[in-house]
Amino acid sequence: MHELSIAYDICRITEEHVGPAGLASVLEVGVEVGARAGIEIDSLEFCLEALLGAPPFGKAVPKIERLQGDELRVTYVEVDDGGP
């Protein structure tokens, strides 16, 4: 199941973006996945939900946008900055 390793890489990219101390404040991770990317999107989503819902994240959820091409990219990381 290579979707699990892809999910781990998405988590690693998220950590690089926010830093280890910011992982608990991550709310959502946006990912674009193409239909021809060779990825079982439902499986990737399941893996991401499991990883992002556990420490050190805890409350983050994946937001997967399905595309027609062969793309696979992290598009954004939404964090809780404590503001209104």
C-alpha atoms as a PDB file:
ATOM      1  CA  MET A   1       0.000   0.000   0.000  1.00  0.00           C
ATOM      2  CA  HIS A   2       2.095   2.912  -1.233  1.00  0.00           C
ATOM      3  CA  GLU A   3      -0.652   5.377  -0.256  1.00  0.00           C
ATOM      4  CA  LEU A   4       0.533   5.100   3.357  1.00  0.00           C
ATOM      5  CA  SER A   5       4.057   6.156   2.409  1.00  0.00           C
ATOM      6  CA  ILE A   6       2.618   9.041   0.376  1.00  0.00           C
ATOM      7  CA  ALA A   7       0.535  10.062   3.404  1.00  0.00           C
ATOM      8  CA  TYR A   8       3.696  10.007   5.559  1.00  0.00           C
ATOM      9  CA  ASP A   9       5.424  12.248   3.002  1.00  0.00           C
ATOM     10  CA  ILE A  10       2.498  14.683   3.068  1.00  0.00           C
ATOM     11  CA  CYS A  11       2.798  14.804   6.868  1.00  0.00           C
ATOM     12  CA  ARG A  12       6.556  15.395   6.538  1.00  0.00           C
ATOM     13  CA  ILE A  13       5.948  18.262   4.098  1.00  0.00           C
ATOM     14  CA  THR A  14       3.415  19.709   6.531  1.00  0.00           C
ATOM     15  CA  GLU A  15       5.947  19.527   9.353  1.00  0.00           C
ATOM     16  CA  GLU A  16       8.578  21.238   7.193  1.00  0.00           C
ATOM     17  CA  HIS A  17       6.086  24.030   6.529  1.00  0.00           C
ATOM     18  CA  VAL A  18       4.888  24.691  10.103  1.00  0.00           C
ATOM     19  CA  GLY A  19       7.741  23.282  12.168  1.00  0.00           C
ATOM     20  CA  PRO A  20       7.496  20.586  14.829  1.00  0.00           C
ATOM     21  CA  ALA A  21       6.012  22.973  17.412  1.00  0.00           C
ATOM     22  CA  GLY A  22       3.211  24.001  15.044  1.00  0.00           C
ATOM     23  CA  LEU A  23       1.871  20.535  14.232  1.00  0.00           C
ATOM     24  CA  ALA A  24      -0.792  20.618  16.969  1.00  0.00           C
ATOM     25  CA  SER A  25      -2.234  23.798  15.451  1.00  0.00           C
ATOM     26  CA  VAL A  26      -2.715  22.331  11.956  1.00  0.00           C
ATOM     27  CA  LEU A  27      -6.422  22.219  11.064  1.00  0.00           C
ATOM     28  CA  GLU A  28      -6.441  21.163   7.414  1.00  0.00           C
ATOM     29  CA  VAL A  29      -4.006  19.996   4.756  1.00  0.00           C
ATOM     30  CA  GLY A  30      -4.980  20.551   1.127  1.00  0.00           C
ATOM     31  CA  VAL A  31      -3.844  18.003  -1.444  1.00  0.00           C
ATOM     32  CA  GLU A  32      -4.466  17.785  -5.192  1.00  0.00           C
ATOM     33  CA  VAL A  33      -4.479  14.271  -6.642  1.00  0.00           C
ATOM     34  CA  GLY A  34      -4.944  13.463 -10.298  1.00  0.00           C
ATOM     35  CA  ALA A  35      -6.989  10.510 -11.487  1.00  0.00           C
ATOM     36  CA  ARG A  36      -3.956   9.317 -13.484  1.00  0.00           C
ATOM     37  CA  ALA A  37      -1.452   9.704 -10.636  1.00  0.00           C
ATOM     38  CA  GLY A  38      -1.482   5.972  -9.896  1.00  0.00           C
ATOM     39  CA  ILE A  39      -2.897   6.538  -6.422  1.00  0.00           C
ATOM     40  CA  GLU A  40      -6.002   5.029  -4.860  1.00  0.00           C
ATOM     41  CA  ILE A  41      -7.423   8.330  -3.626  1.00  0.00           C
ATOM     42  CA  ASP A  42      -9.843   6.824  -1.096  1.00  0.00           C
ATOM     43  CA  SER A  43      -6.992   4.850   0.459  1.00  0.00           C
ATOM     44  CA  LEU A  44      -4.784   7.954   0.604  1.00  0.00           C
ATOM     45  CA  GLU A  45      -7.586   9.879   2.271  1.00  0.00           C
ATOM     46  CA  PHE A  46      -8.058   7.096   4.841  1.00  0.00           C
ATOM     47  CA  CYS A  47      -4.319   7.069   5.628  1.00  0.00           C
ATOM     48  CA  LEU A  48      -4.175  10.839   5.929  1.00  0.00           C
ATOM     49  CA  GLU A  49      -7.206  10.917   8.231  1.00  0.00           C
ATOM     50  CA  ALA A  50      -5.504   8.384  10.500  1.00  0.00           C
ATOM     51  CA  LEU A  51      -2.151  10.188  10.574  1.00  0.00           C
ATOM     52  CA  LEU A  52      -3.486  13.742  10.837  1.00  0.00           C
ATOM     53  CA  GLY A  53      -5.971  12.747  13.536  1.00  0.00           C
ATOM     54  CA  ALA A  54      -3.262  11.391  15.829  1.00  0.00           C
ATOM     55  CA  PRO A  55      -0.410  13.048  17.763  1.00  0.00           C
ATOM     56  CA  PRO A  56       1.508  15.144  17.013  1.00  0.00           C
ATOM     57  CA  PHE A  57      -1.294  16.544  14.839  1.00  0.00           C
ATOM     58  CA  GLY A  58      -4.466  15.611  16.667  1.00  0.00           C
ATOM     59  CA  LYS A  59      -7.171  17.614  14.940  1.00  0.00           C
ATOM     60  CA  ALA A  60      -6.082  18.097  11.351  1.00  0.00           C
ATOM     61  CA  VAL A  61      -8.085  16.759   8.422  1.00  0.00           C
ATOM     62  CA  PRO A  62      -7.154  16.242   4.778  1.00  0.00           C
ATOM     63  CA  LYS A  63      -8.951  18.171   2.038  1.00  0.00           C
ATOM     64  CA  ILE A  64      -8.372  16.260  -1.190  1.00  0.00           C
ATOM     65  CA  GLU A  65      -9.192  17.824  -4.542  1.00  0.00           C
ATOM     66  CA  ARG A  66      -9.535  15.271  -7.310  1.00  0.00           C
ATOM     67  CA  LEU A  67      -8.168  16.343 -10.692  1.00  0.00           C
ATOM     68  CA  GLN A  68      -8.065  14.740 -14.139  1.00  0.00           C
ATOM     69  CA  GLY A  69      -4.308  14.706 -14.691  1.00  0.00           C
ATOM     70  CA  ASP A  70      -1.372  13.027 -12.952  1.00  0.00           C
ATOM     71  CA  GLU A  71      -0.763  15.693 -10.306  1.00  0.00           C
ATOM     72  CA  LEU A  72       0.057  15.054  -6.684  1.00  0.00           C
ATOM     73  CA  ARG A  73       0.823  18.104  -4.580  1.00  0.00           C
ATOM     74  CA  VAL A  74       0.237  19.678  -1.199  1.00  0.00           C
ATOM     75  CA  THR A  75      -1.555  22.936  -1.950  1.00  0.00           C
ATOM     76  CA  TYR A  76      -2.005  24.501   1.489  1.00  0.00           C
ATOM     77  CA  VAL A  77      -1.742  24.000   5.226  1.00  0.00           C
ATOM     78  CA  GLU A  78      -4.357  25.736   7.378  1.00  0.00           C
ATOM     79  CA  VAL A  79      -3.340  26.439  10.969  1.00  0.00           C
ATOM     80  CA  ASP A  80      -5.190  27.724  14.012  1.00  0.00           C
ATOM     81  CA  ASP A  81      -3.427  30.971  14.825  1.00  0.00           C
ATOM     82  CA  GLY A  82      -5.578  31.609  17.900  1.00  0.00           C
ATOM     83  CA  GLY A  83      -7.384  34.532  16.259  1.00  0.00           C
ATOM     84  CA  PRO A  84     -11.130  35.108  15.962  1.00  0.00           C
END
